[in-house]
PDB file of N, CA and C in Angstrom:
ATOM      1  N   MET A   1       0.841  -1.177   0.000  1.00  0.00           N
ATOM      2  CA  MET A   1       0.000   0.000   0.000  1.00  0.00           C
ATOM      3  C   MET A   1       0.887   1.241   0.000  1.00  0.00           C
ATOM      4  N   LYS A   2       0.330   2.294  -0.450  1.00  0.00           N
ATOM      5  CA  LYS A   2       1.071   3.551  -0.576  1.00  0.00           C
ATOM      6  C   LYS A   2       1.007   4.365   0.724  1.00  0.00           C
ATOM      7  N   GLU A   3       1.748   5.438   0.722  1.00  0.00           N
ATOM      8  CA  GLU A   3       1.717   6.386   1.831  1.00  0.00           C
ATOM      9  C   GLU A   3       0.474   7.269   1.675  1.00  0.00           C
ATOM     10  N   PRO A   4      -0.244   7.567   2.756  1.00  0.00           N
ATOM     11  CA  PRO A   4      -1.413   8.452   2.635  1.00  0.00           C
ATOM     12  C   PRO A   4      -0.970   9.905   2.478  1.00  0.00           C
ATOM     13  N   THR A   5      -1.807  10.683   1.832  1.00  0.00           N
ATOM     14  CA  THR A   5      -1.543  12.117   1.723  1.00  0.00           C
ATOM     15  C   THR A   5      -1.936  12.783   3.038  1.00  0.00           C
ATOM     16  N   GLU A   6      -1.450  13.992   3.249  1.00  0.00           N
ATOM     17  CA  GLU A   6      -1.838  14.729   4.461  1.00  0.00           C
ATOM     18  C   GLU A   6      -3.343  14.966   4.490  1.00  0.00           C
ATOM     19  N   ALA A   7      -3.936  15.202   3.322  1.00  0.00           N
ATOM     20  CA  ALA A   7      -5.384  15.402   3.257  1.00  0.00           C
ATOM     21  C   ALA A   7      -6.126  14.142   3.712  1.00  0.00           C
ATOM     22  N   GLN A   8      -5.633  12.956   3.309  1.00  0.00           N
ATOM     23  CA  GLN A   8      -6.259  11.708   3.740  1.00  0.00           C
ATOM     24  C   GLN A   8      -6.118  11.516   5.240  1.00  0.00           C
ATOM     25  N   VAL A   9      -4.951  11.835   5.779  1.00  0.00           N
ATOM     26  CA  VAL A   9      -4.726  11.688   7.219  1.00  0.00           C
ATOM     27  C   VAL A   9      -5.610  12.660   8.000  1.00  0.00           C
ATOM     28  N   LYS A  10      -5.702  13.895   7.512  1.00  0.00           N
ATOM     29  CA  LYS A  10      -6.541  14.901   8.171  1.00  0.00           C
ATOM     30  C   LYS A  10      -8.001  14.453   8.170  1.00  0.00           C
ATOM     31  N   GLU A  11      -8.477  13.988   7.022  1.00  0.00           N
ATOM     32  CA  GLU A  11      -9.861  13.517   6.907  1.00  0.00           C
ATOM     33  C   GLU A  11     -10.099  12.316   7.822  1.00  0.00           C
ATOM     34  N   PHE A  12      -9.104  11.428   7.920  1.00  0.00           N
ATOM     35  CA  PHE A  12      -9.189  10.258   8.787  1.00  0.00           C
ATOM     36  C   PHE A  12      -9.415  10.669  10.239  1.00  0.00           C
ATOM     37  N   TRP A  13      -8.545  11.558  10.760  1.00  0.00           N
ATOM     38  CA  TRP A  13      -8.669  11.976  12.160  1.00  0.00           C
ATOM     39  C   TRP A  13      -9.972  12.736  12.394  1.00  0.00           C
ATOM     40  N   GLU A  14     -10.358  13.581  11.455  1.00  0.00           N
ATOM     41  CA  GLU A  14     -11.609  14.323  11.617  1.00  0.00           C
ATOM     42  C   GLU A  14     -12.809  13.387  11.604  1.00  0.00           C
ATOM     43  N   GLY A  15     -12.691  12.259  10.911  1.00  0.00           N
ATOM     44  CA  GLY A  15     -13.752  11.258  10.902  1.00  0.00           C
ATOM     45  C   GLY A  15     -13.985  10.635  12.265  1.00  0.00           C
ATOM     46  N   PHE A  16     -13.014  10.747  13.139  1.00  0.00           N
ATOM     47  CA  PHE A  16     -13.152  10.249  14.502  1.00  0.00           C
ATOM     48  C   PHE A  16     -13.437  11.370  15.487  1.00  0.00           C
ATOM     49  N   GLY A  17     -13.865  12.517  14.951  1.00  0.00           N
ATOM     50  CA  GLY A  17     -14.299  13.625  15.792  1.00  0.00           C
ATOM     51  C   GLY A  17     -13.201  14.516  16.323  1.00  0.00           C
ATOM     52  N   LEU A  18     -11.989  14.383  15.817  1.00  0.00           N
ATOM     53  CA  LEU A  18     -10.896  15.220  16.289  1.00  0.00           C
ATOM     54  C   LEU A  18     -10.845  16.509  15.487  1.00  0.00           C
ATOM     55  N   LYS A  19     -10.481  17.591  16.143  1.00  0.00           N
ATOM     56  CA  LYS A  19     -10.296  18.872  15.469  1.00  0.00           C
ATOM     57  C   LYS A  19      -8.827  18.972  15.090  1.00  0.00           C
ATOM     58  N   VAL A  20      -8.588  18.945  13.790  1.00  0.00           N
ATOM     59  CA  VAL A  20      -7.217  18.929  13.285  1.00  0.00           C
ATOM     60  C   VAL A  20      -6.985  20.181  12.464  1.00  0.00           C
ATOM     61  N   ILE A  21      -5.835  20.808  12.691  1.00  0.00           N
ATOM     62  CA  ILE A  21      -5.464  21.961  11.889  1.00  0.00           C
ATOM     63  C   ILE A  21      -4.163  21.640  11.161  1.00  0.00           C
ATOM     64  N   GLN A  22      -4.052  22.120   9.955  1.00  0.00           N
ATOM     65  CA  GLN A  22      -2.851  21.895   9.169  1.00  0.00           C
ATOM     66  C   GLN A  22      -1.977  23.128   9.311  1.00  0.00           C
ATOM     67  N   VAL A  23      -0.777  22.929   9.849  1.00  0.00           N
ATOM     68  CA  VAL A  23       0.113  24.060  10.085  1.00  0.00           C
ATOM     69  C   VAL A  23       1.207  24.169   9.032  1.00  0.00           C
ATOM     70  N   ALA A  24       1.417  23.123   8.295  1.00  0.00           N
ATOM     71  CA  ALA A  24       2.399  23.128   7.208  1.00  0.00           C
ATOM     72  C   ALA A  24       2.005  22.014   6.248  1.00  0.00           C
ATOM     73  N   ASP A  25       2.722  21.910   5.155  1.00  0.00           N
ATOM     74  CA  ASP A  25       2.374  20.899   4.165  1.00  0.00           C
ATOM     75  C   ASP A  25       2.351  19.482   4.726  1.00  0.00           C
ATOM     76  N   ASP A  26       3.233  19.194   5.670  1.00  0.00           N
ATOM     77  CA  ASP A  26       3.308  17.820   6.158  1.00  0.00           C
ATOM     78  C   ASP A  26       3.199  17.705   7.679  1.00  0.00           C
ATOM     79  N   HIS A  27       2.576  18.674   8.324  1.00  0.00           N
ATOM     80  CA  HIS A  27       2.422  18.623   9.771  1.00  0.00           C
ATOM     81  C   HIS A  27       0.980  18.926  10.159  1.00  0.00           C
ATOM     82  N   LEU A  28       0.432  18.090  11.030  1.00  0.00           N
ATOM     83  CA  LEU A  28      -0.924  18.292  11.538  1.00  0.00           C
ATOM     84  C   LEU A  28      -0.877  18.455  13.042  1.00  0.00           C
ATOM     85  N   MET A  29      -1.774  19.277  13.553  1.00  0.00           N
ATOM     86  CA  MET A  29      -1.887  19.467  14.997  1.00  0.00           C
ATOM     87  C   MET A  29      -3.312  19.189  15.431  1.00  0.00           C
ATOM     88  N   LEU A  30      -3.434  18.635  16.625  1.00  0.00           N
ATOM     89  CA  LEU A  30      -4.723  18.366  17.240  1.00  0.00           C
ATOM     90  C   LEU A  30      -5.063  19.545  18.138  1.00  0.00           C
ATOM     91  N   LYS A  31      -6.267  20.061  18.016  1.00  0.00           N
ATOM     92  CA  LYS A  31      -6.703  21.181  18.844  1.00  0.00           C
ATOM     93  C   LYS A  31      -7.782  20.665  19.789  1.00  0.00           C
ATOM     94  N   ASN A  32      -7.536  20.824  21.106  1.00  0.00           N
ATOM     95  CA  ASN A  32      -8.522  20.330  22.068  1.00  0.00           C
ATOM     96  C   ASN A  32      -9.560  21.405  22.386  1.00  0.00           C
ATOM     97  N   GLU A  33     -10.522  21.048  23.235  1.00  0.00           N
ATOM     98  CA  GLU A  33     -11.627  21.957  23.532  1.00  0.00           C
ATOM     99  C   GLU A  33     -11.188  23.240  24.237  1.00  0.00           C
ATOM    100  N   LYS A  34     -10.018  23.244  24.855  1.00  0.00           N
ATOM    101  CA  LYS A  34      -9.505  24.447  25.518  1.00  0.00           C
ATOM    102  C   LYS A  34      -8.662  25.306  24.581  1.00  0.00           C
ATOM    103  N   GLY A  35      -8.519  24.850  23.335  1.00  0.00           N
ATOM    104  CA  GLY A  35      -7.750  25.618  22.366  1.00  0.00           C
ATOM    105  C   GLY A  35      -6.276  25.276  22.321  1.00  0.00           C
ATOM    106  N   HIS A  36      -5.827  24.356  23.181  1.00  0.00           N
ATOM    107  CA  HIS A  36      -4.426  23.948  23.172  1.00  0.00           C
ATOM    108  C   HIS A  36      -4.182  23.026  21.986  1.00  0.00           C
ATOM    109  N   THR A  37      -2.997  23.106  21.446  1.00  0.00           N
ATOM    110  CA  THR A  37      -2.656  22.269  20.308  1.00  0.00           C
ATOM    111  C   THR A  37      -1.503  21.342  20.653  1.00  0.00           C
ATOM    112  N   SER A  38      -1.458  20.218  19.962  1.00  0.00           N
ATOM    113  CA  SER A  38      -0.353  19.277  20.089  1.00  0.00           C
ATOM    114  C   SER A  38      -0.196  18.567  18.752  1.00  0.00           C
ATOM    115  N   TRP A  39       1.018  18.117  18.472  1.00  0.00           N
ATOM    116  CA  TRP A  39       1.258  17.403  17.221  1.00  0.00           C
ATOM    117  C   TRP A  39       0.501  16.091  17.243  1.00  0.00           C
ATOM    118  N   ILE A  40      -0.037  15.695  16.109  1.00  0.00           N
ATOM    119  CA  ILE A  40      -0.668  14.382  15.998  1.00  0.00           C
ATOM    120  C   ILE A  40      -0.017  13.651  14.833  1.00  0.00           C
ATOM    121  N   ASN A  41       0.521  12.507  15.133  1.00  0.00           N
ATOM    122  CA  ASN A  41       1.196  11.697  14.133  1.00  0.00           C
ATOM    123  C   ASN A  41       0.353  10.475  13.818  1.00  0.00           C
ATOM    124  N   LEU A  42       0.581   9.923  12.674  1.00  0.00           N
ATOM    125  CA  LEU A  42      -0.066   8.677  12.295  1.00  0.00           C
ATOM    126  C   LEU A  42       0.825   7.549  12.803  1.00  0.00           C
ATOM    127  N   ASP A  43       0.613   7.177  14.060  1.00  0.00           N
ATOM    128  CA  ASP A  43       1.402   6.111  14.663  1.00  0.00           C
ATOM    129  C   ASP A  43       0.473   5.183  15.444  1.00  0.00           C
ATOM    130  N   LEU A  44       1.000   4.072  15.893  1.00  0.00           N
ATOM    131  CA  LEU A  44       0.174   3.094  16.603  1.00  0.00           C
ATOM    132  C   LEU A  44      -0.424   3.661  17.884  1.00  0.00           C
ATOM    133  N   ASN A  45       0.340   4.493  18.595  1.00  0.00           N
ATOM    134  CA  ASN A  45      -0.183   5.072  19.834  1.00  0.00           C
ATOM    135  C   ASN A  45      -1.466   5.867  19.570  1.00  0.00           C
ATOM    136  N   ASN A  46      -1.440   6.755  18.597  1.00  0.00           N
ATOM    137  CA  ASN A  46      -2.622   7.573  18.303  1.00  0.00           C
ATOM    138  C   ASN A  46      -3.742   6.744  17.682  1.00  0.00           C
ATOM    139  N   LEU A  47      -3.402   5.778  16.833  1.00  0.00           N
ATOM    140  CA  LEU A  47      -4.443   4.928  16.247  1.00  0.00           C
ATOM    141  C   LEU A  47      -5.184   4.147  17.323  1.00  0.00           C
ATOM    142  N   PHE A  48      -4.438   3.576  18.275  1.00  0.00           N
ATOM    143  CA  PHE A  48      -5.091   2.821  19.343  1.00  0.00           C
ATOM    144  C   PHE A  48      -5.782   3.731  20.356  1.00  0.00           C
ATOM    145  N   ARG A  49      -5.349   4.963  20.451  1.00  0.00           N
ATOM    146  CA  ARG A  49      -5.987   5.908  21.380  1.00  0.00           C
ATOM    147  C   ARG A  49      -7.300   6.456  20.820  1.00  0.00           C
ATOM    148  N   TYR A  50      -7.308   6.840  19.537  1.00  0.00           N
ATOM    149  CA  TYR A  50      -8.458   7.548  18.986  1.00  0.00           C
ATOM    150  C   TYR A  50      -9.333   6.730  18.035  1.00  0.00           C
ATOM    151  N   ALA A  51      -8.746   5.842  17.245  1.00  0.00           N
ATOM    152  CA  ALA A  51      -9.514   5.172  16.190  1.00  0.00           C
ATOM    153  C   ALA A  51      -9.971   3.769  16.560  1.00  0.00           C
ATOM    154  N   VAL A  52      -9.070   2.949  17.048  1.00  0.00           N
ATOM    155  CA  VAL A  52      -9.404   1.549  17.313  1.00  0.00           C
ATOM    156  C   VAL A  52     -10.585   1.379  18.275  1.00  0.00           C
ATOM    157  N   PRO A  53     -10.682   2.161  19.358  1.00  0.00           N
ATOM    158  CA  PRO A  53     -11.832   1.971  20.256  1.00  0.00           C
ATOM    159  C   PRO A  53     -13.188   2.218  19.586  1.00  0.00           C
ATOM    160  N   LYS A  54     -13.198   2.928  18.484  1.00  0.00           N
ATOM    161  CA  LYS A  54     -14.465   3.232  17.809  1.00  0.00           C
ATOM    162  C   LYS A  54     -14.795   2.241  16.698  1.00  0.00           C
ATOM    163  N   ILE A  55     -13.914   1.275  16.475  1.00  0.00           N
ATOM    164  CA  ILE A  55     -14.173   0.246  15.477  1.00  0.00           C
ATOM    165  C   ILE A  55     -15.002  -0.850  16.130  1.00  0.00           C
ATOM    166  N   ASP A  56     -16.140  -1.129  15.546  1.00  0.00           N
ATOM    167  CA  ASP A  56     -17.038  -2.145  16.083  1.00  0.00           C
ATOM    168  C   ASP A  56     -16.735  -3.463  15.384  1.00  0.00           C
ATOM    169  N   GLY A  57     -15.743  -4.164  15.880  1.00  0.00           N
ATOM    170  CA  GLY A  57     -15.360  -5.426  15.265  1.00  0.00           C
ATOM    171  C   GLY A  57     -14.071  -5.943  15.862  1.00  0.00           C
ATOM    172  N   SER A  58     -13.543  -6.985  15.262  1.00  0.00           N
ATOM    173  CA  SER A  58     -12.296  -7.602  15.716  1.00  0.00           C
ATOM    174  C   SER A  58     -11.153  -7.113  14.846  1.00  0.00           C
ATOM    175  N   ILE A  59      -9.990  -6.930  15.473  1.00  0.00           N
ATOM    176  CA  ILE A  59      -8.812  -6.488  14.730  1.00  0.00           C
ATOM    177  C   ILE A  59      -7.677  -7.468  15.014  1.00  0.00           C
ATOM    178  N   LEU A  60      -7.064  -7.966  13.949  1.00  0.00           N
ATOM    179  CA  LEU A  60      -5.903  -8.831  14.051  1.00  0.00           C
ATOM    180  C   LEU A  60      -4.727  -8.092  13.445  1.00  0.00           C
ATOM    181  N   LEU A  61      -3.638  -8.001  14.192  1.00  0.00           N
ATOM    182  CA  LEU A  61      -2.412  -7.367  13.715  1.00  0.00           C
ATOM    183  C   LEU A  61      -1.314  -8.414  13.809  1.00  0.00           C
ATOM    184  N   SER A  62      -0.718  -8.756  12.683  1.00  0.00           N
ATOM    185  CA  SER A  62       0.259  -9.838  12.643  1.00  0.00           C
ATOM    186  C   SER A  62       1.341  -9.498  11.617  1.00  0.00           C
ATOM    187  N   THR A  63       2.372 -10.332  11.550  1.00  0.00           N
ATOM    188  CA  THR A  63       3.417 -10.123  10.552  1.00  0.00           C
ATOM    189  C   THR A  63       3.386 -11.236   9.514  1.00  0.00           C
ATOM    190  N   TYR A  64       3.752 -10.864   8.291  1.00  0.00           N
ATOM    191  CA  TYR A  64       3.938 -11.826   7.210  1.00  0.00           C
ATOM    192  C   TYR A  64       5.347 -12.381   7.292  1.00  0.00           C
ATOM    193  N   HIS A  65       5.576 -13.455   6.591  1.00  0.00           N
ATOM    194  CA  HIS A  65       6.938 -13.983   6.475  1.00  0.00           C
ATOM    195  C   HIS A  65       7.841 -13.027   5.686  1.00  0.00           C
ATOM    196  N   THR A  66       7.234 -12.101   4.948  1.00  0.00           N
ATOM    197  CA  THR A  66       8.012 -11.128   4.163  1.00  0.00           C
ATOM    198  C   THR A  66       8.477  -9.945   5.008  1.00  0.00           C
ATOM    199  N   GLY A  67       8.027  -9.882   6.244  1.00  0.00           N
ATOM    200  CA  GLY A  67       8.380  -8.757   7.107  1.00  0.00           C
ATOM    201  C   GLY A  67       7.330  -7.671   7.118  1.00  0.00           C
ATOM    202  N   GLU A  68       6.322  -7.791   6.257  1.00  0.00           N
ATOM    203  CA  GLU A  68       5.237  -6.815   6.254  1.00  0.00           C
ATOM    204  C   GLU A  68       4.263  -7.113   7.392  1.00  0.00           C
ATOM    205  N   TRP A  69       3.546  -6.078   7.784  1.00  0.00           N
ATOM    206  CA  TRP A  69       2.505  -6.224   8.800  1.00  0.00           C
ATOM    207  C   TRP A  69       1.168  -6.450   8.113  1.00  0.00           C
ATOM    208  N   LEU A  70       0.393  -7.354   8.657  1.00  0.00           N
ATOM    209  CA  LEU A  70      -0.923  -7.676   8.144  1.00  0.00           C
ATOM    210  C   LEU A  70      -1.960  -7.240   9.161  1.00  0.00           C
ATOM    211  N   VAL A  71      -2.999  -6.553   8.704  1.00  0.00           N
ATOM    212  CA  VAL A  71      -4.111  -6.168   9.568  1.00  0.00           C
ATOM    213  C   VAL A  71      -5.395  -6.688   8.934  1.00  0.00           C
ATOM    214  N   VAL A  72      -6.187  -7.377   9.740  1.00  0.00           N
ATOM    215  CA  VAL A  72      -7.496  -7.848   9.306  1.00  0.00           C
ATOM    216  C   VAL A  72      -8.516  -7.300  10.286  1.00  0.00           C
ATOM    217  N   ILE A  73      -9.504  -6.580   9.774  1.00  0.00           N
ATOM    218  CA  ILE A  73     -10.622  -6.095  10.588  1.00  0.00           C
ATOM    219  C   ILE A  73     -11.848  -6.862  10.144  1.00  0.00           C
ATOM    220  N   GLU A  74     -12.499  -7.516  11.085  1.00  0.00           N
ATOM    221  CA  GLU A  74     -13.714  -8.258  10.794  1.00  0.00           C
ATOM    222  C   GLU A  74     -14.859  -7.600  11.560  1.00  0.00           C
ATOM    223  N   TYR A  75     -15.935  -7.318  10.859  1.00  0.00           N
ATOM    224  CA  TYR A  75     -17.088  -6.681  11.497  1.00  0.00           C
ATOM    225  C   TYR A  75     -18.369  -7.147  10.823  1.00  0.00           C
ATOM    226  N   TYR A  76     -19.478  -6.889  11.479  1.00  0.00           N
ATOM    227  CA  TYR A  76     -20.775  -7.288  10.954  1.00  0.00           C
ATOM    228  C   TYR A  76     -21.484  -6.081  10.342  1.00  0.00           C
ATOM    229  N   ALA A  77     -22.070  -6.305   9.177  1.00  0.00           N
ATOM    230  CA  ALA A  77     -22.826  -5.260   8.496  1.00  0.00           C
ATOM    231  C   ALA A  77     -23.994  -5.909   7.769  1.00  0.00           C
ATOM    232  N   LYS A  78     -25.187  -5.482   8.107  1.00  0.00           N
ATOM    233  CA  LYS A  78     -26.397  -5.988   7.444  1.00  0.00           C
ATOM    234  C   LYS A  78     -26.450  -7.511   7.454  1.00  0.00           C
ATOM    235  N   ASP A  79     -26.313  -8.104   8.621  1.00  0.00           N
ATOM    236  CA  ASP A  79     -26.379  -9.558   8.801  1.00  0.00           C
ATOM    237  C   ASP A  79     -25.323 -10.308   8.004  1.00  0.00           C
ATOM    238  N   ASP A  80     -24.214  -9.677   7.745  1.00  0.00           N
ATOM    239  CA  ASP A  80     -23.143 -10.301   6.985  1.00  0.00           C
ATOM    240  C   ASP A  80     -21.817  -9.951   7.649  1.00  0.00           C
ATOM    241  N   THR A  81     -20.896 -10.897   7.652  1.00  0.00           N
ATOM    242  CA  THR A  81     -19.562 -10.641   8.174  1.00  0.00           C
ATOM    243  C   THR A  81     -18.687 -10.115   7.050  1.00  0.00           C
ATOM    244  N   ARG A  82     -17.992  -9.029   7.326  1.00  0.00           N
ATOM    245  CA  ARG A  82     -17.104  -8.433   6.320  1.00  0.00           C
ATOM    246  C   ARG A  82     -15.690  -8.354   6.873  1.00  0.00           C
ATOM    247  N   LYS A  83     -14.734  -8.397   5.970  1.00  0.00           N
ATOM    248  CA  LYS A  83     -13.330  -8.293   6.353  1.00  0.00           C
ATOM    249  C   LYS A  83     -12.650  -7.228   5.517  1.00  0.00           C
ATOM    250  N   CYS A  84     -11.824  -6.463   6.164  1.00  0.00           N
ATOM    251  CA  CYS A  84     -10.957  -5.493   5.492  1.00  0.00           C
ATOM    252  C   CYS A  84      -9.528  -5.919   5.787  1.00  0.00           C
ATOM    253  N   VAL A  85      -8.741  -6.070   4.760  1.00  0.00           N
ATOM    254  CA  VAL A  85      -7.374  -6.569   4.903  1.00  0.00           C
ATOM    255  C   VAL A  85      -6.410  -5.544   4.326  1.00  0.00           C
ATOM    256  N   SER A  86      -5.315  -5.329   5.038  1.00  0.00           N
ATOM    257  CA  SER A  86      -4.296  -4.398   4.585  1.00  0.00           C
ATOM    258  C   SER A  86      -2.933  -4.919   5.014  1.00  0.00           C
ATOM    259  N   HIS A  87      -1.900  -4.558   4.273  1.00  0.00           N
ATOM    260  CA  HIS A  87      -0.539  -4.923   4.666  1.00  0.00           C
ATOM    261  C   HIS A  87       0.413  -3.800   4.277  1.00  0.00           C
ATOM    262  N   HIS A  88       1.444  -3.644   5.077  1.00  0.00           N
ATOM    263  CA  HIS A  88       2.444  -2.590   4.839  1.00  0.00           C
ATOM    264  C   HIS A  88       3.667  -2.901   5.690  1.00  0.00           C
ATOM    265  N   LEU A  89       4.813  -2.376   5.308  1.00  0.00           N
ATOM    266  CA  LEU A  89       6.013  -2.546   6.131  1.00  0.00           C
ATOM    267  C   LEU A  89       5.892  -1.822   7.465  1.00  0.00           C
ATOM    268  N   ASP A  90       5.124  -0.732   7.488  1.00  0.00           N
ATOM    269  CA  ASP A  90       4.889   0.047   8.708  1.00  0.00           C
ATOM    270  C   ASP A  90       3.570  -0.425   9.322  1.00  0.00           C
ATOM    271  N   PRO A  91       3.580  -0.944  10.558  1.00  0.00           N
ATOM    272  CA  PRO A  91       2.335  -1.445  11.149  1.00  0.00           C
ATOM    273  C   PRO A  91       1.259  -0.372  11.296  1.00  0.00           C
ATOM    274  N   ALA A  92       1.662   0.863  11.534  1.00  0.00           N
ATOM    275  CA  ALA A  92       0.679   1.940  11.661  1.00  0.00           C
ATOM    276  C   ALA A  92      -0.030   2.189  10.336  1.00  0.00           C
ATOM    277  N   LEU A  93       0.708   2.138   9.235  1.00  0.00           N
ATOM    278  CA  LEU A  93       0.082   2.344   7.936  1.00  0.00           C
ATOM    279  C   LEU A  93      -0.795   1.159   7.541  1.00  0.00           C
ATOM    280  N   ALA A  94      -0.404  -0.039   7.922  1.00  0.00           N
ATOM    281  CA  ALA A  94      -1.263  -1.204   7.661  1.00  0.00           C
ATOM    282  C   ALA A  94      -2.578  -1.044   8.403  1.00  0.00           C
ATOM    283  N   LEU A  95      -2.527  -0.608   9.663  1.00  0.00           N
ATOM    284  CA  LEU A  95      -3.741  -0.399  10.451  1.00  0.00           C
ATOM    285  C   LEU A  95      -4.553   0.765   9.904  1.00  0.00           C
ATOM    286  N   PHE A  96      -3.896   1.857   9.533  1.00  0.00           N
ATOM    287  CA  PHE A  96      -4.575   3.018   8.953  1.00  0.00           C
ATOM    288  C   PHE A  96      -5.393   2.622   7.733  1.00  0.00           C
ATOM    289  N   TRP A  97      -4.762   1.893   6.791  1.00  0.00           N
ATOM    290  CA  TRP A  97      -5.455   1.535   5.549  1.00  0.00           C
ATOM    291  C   TRP A  97      -6.597   0.557   5.804  1.00  0.00           C
ATOM    292  N   ALA A  98      -6.445  -0.370   6.747  1.00  0.00           N
ATOM    293  CA  ALA A  98      -7.542  -1.303   7.050  1.00  0.00           C
ATOM    294  C   ALA A  98      -8.722  -0.558   7.669  1.00  0.00           C
ATOM    295  N   ILE A  99      -8.443   0.354   8.596  1.00  0.00           N
ATOM    296  CA  ILE A  99      -9.519   1.154   9.207  1.00  0.00           C
ATOM    297  C   ILE A  99     -10.178   2.031   8.152  1.00  0.00           C
ATOM    298  N   THR A 100      -9.380   2.644   7.282  1.00  0.00           N
ATOM    299  CA  THR A 100      -9.936   3.488   6.216  1.00  0.00           C
ATOM    300  C   THR A 100     -10.861   2.666   5.319  1.00  0.00           C
ATOM    301  N   GLU A 101     -10.453   1.469   4.954  1.00  0.00           N
ATOM    302  CA  GLU A 101     -11.294   0.604   4.115  1.00  0.00           C
ATOM    303  C   GLU A 101     -12.596   0.248   4.838  1.00  0.00           C
ATOM    304  N   ALA A 102     -12.501  -0.071   6.131  1.00  0.00           N
ATOM    305  CA  ALA A 102     -13.710  -0.418   6.888  1.00  0.00           C
ATOM    306  C   ALA A 102     -14.660   0.755   6.962  1.00  0.00           C
ATOM    307  N   ILE A 103     -14.137   1.941   7.171  1.00  0.00           N
ATOM    308  CA  ILE A 103     -14.981   3.153   7.229  1.00  0.00           C
ATOM    309  C   ILE A 103     -15.632   3.401   5.875  1.00  0.00           C
ATOM    310  N   ASN A 104     -14.869   3.301   4.799  1.00  0.00           N
ATOM    311  CA  ASN A 104     -15.396   3.555   3.466  1.00  0.00           C
ATOM    312  C   ASN A 104     -16.465   2.541   3.068  1.00  0.00           C
ATOM    313  N   GLU A 105     -16.332   1.303   3.520  1.00  0.00           N
ATOM    314  CA  GLU A 105     -17.327   0.281   3.206  1.00  0.00           C
ATOM    315  C   GLU A 105     -18.652   0.549   3.914  1.00  0.00           C
ATOM    316  N   ARG A 106     -18.583   1.179   5.057  1.00  0.00           N
ATOM    317  CA  ARG A 106     -19.800   1.426   5.840  1.00  0.00           C
ATOM    318  C   ARG A 106     -20.552   2.647   5.374  1.00  0.00           C
ATOM    319  N   ILE A 107     -19.922   3.503   4.586  1.00  0.00           N
ATOM    320  CA  ILE A 107     -20.580   4.739   4.130  1.00  0.00           C
ATOM    321  C   ILE A 107     -21.541   4.426   3.006  1.00  0.00           C
TER     322      ILE A 107
END
């Protein structure tokens, strides 16, 4: 999978209700309710803090024999089980793309 654009990352975080401001071409900041800002990166810590708890389903994070990370999200939609699968050398990007696919399928 490819690297996401800053616009995709911004849209991703905003989809989880976060207020994100773009301060430069490749830097995003999170703005809290008190107006304080902090850097927000696309990493496992932030994904598990903000996105994963809102996913209604099972998430498997594993490694391939090739060294890539595999993410499988399984969830129920309209009496049917669905799976979103993603892989990447960076585990955060593998998780990002699987969550993005699951969100897009539900829209």
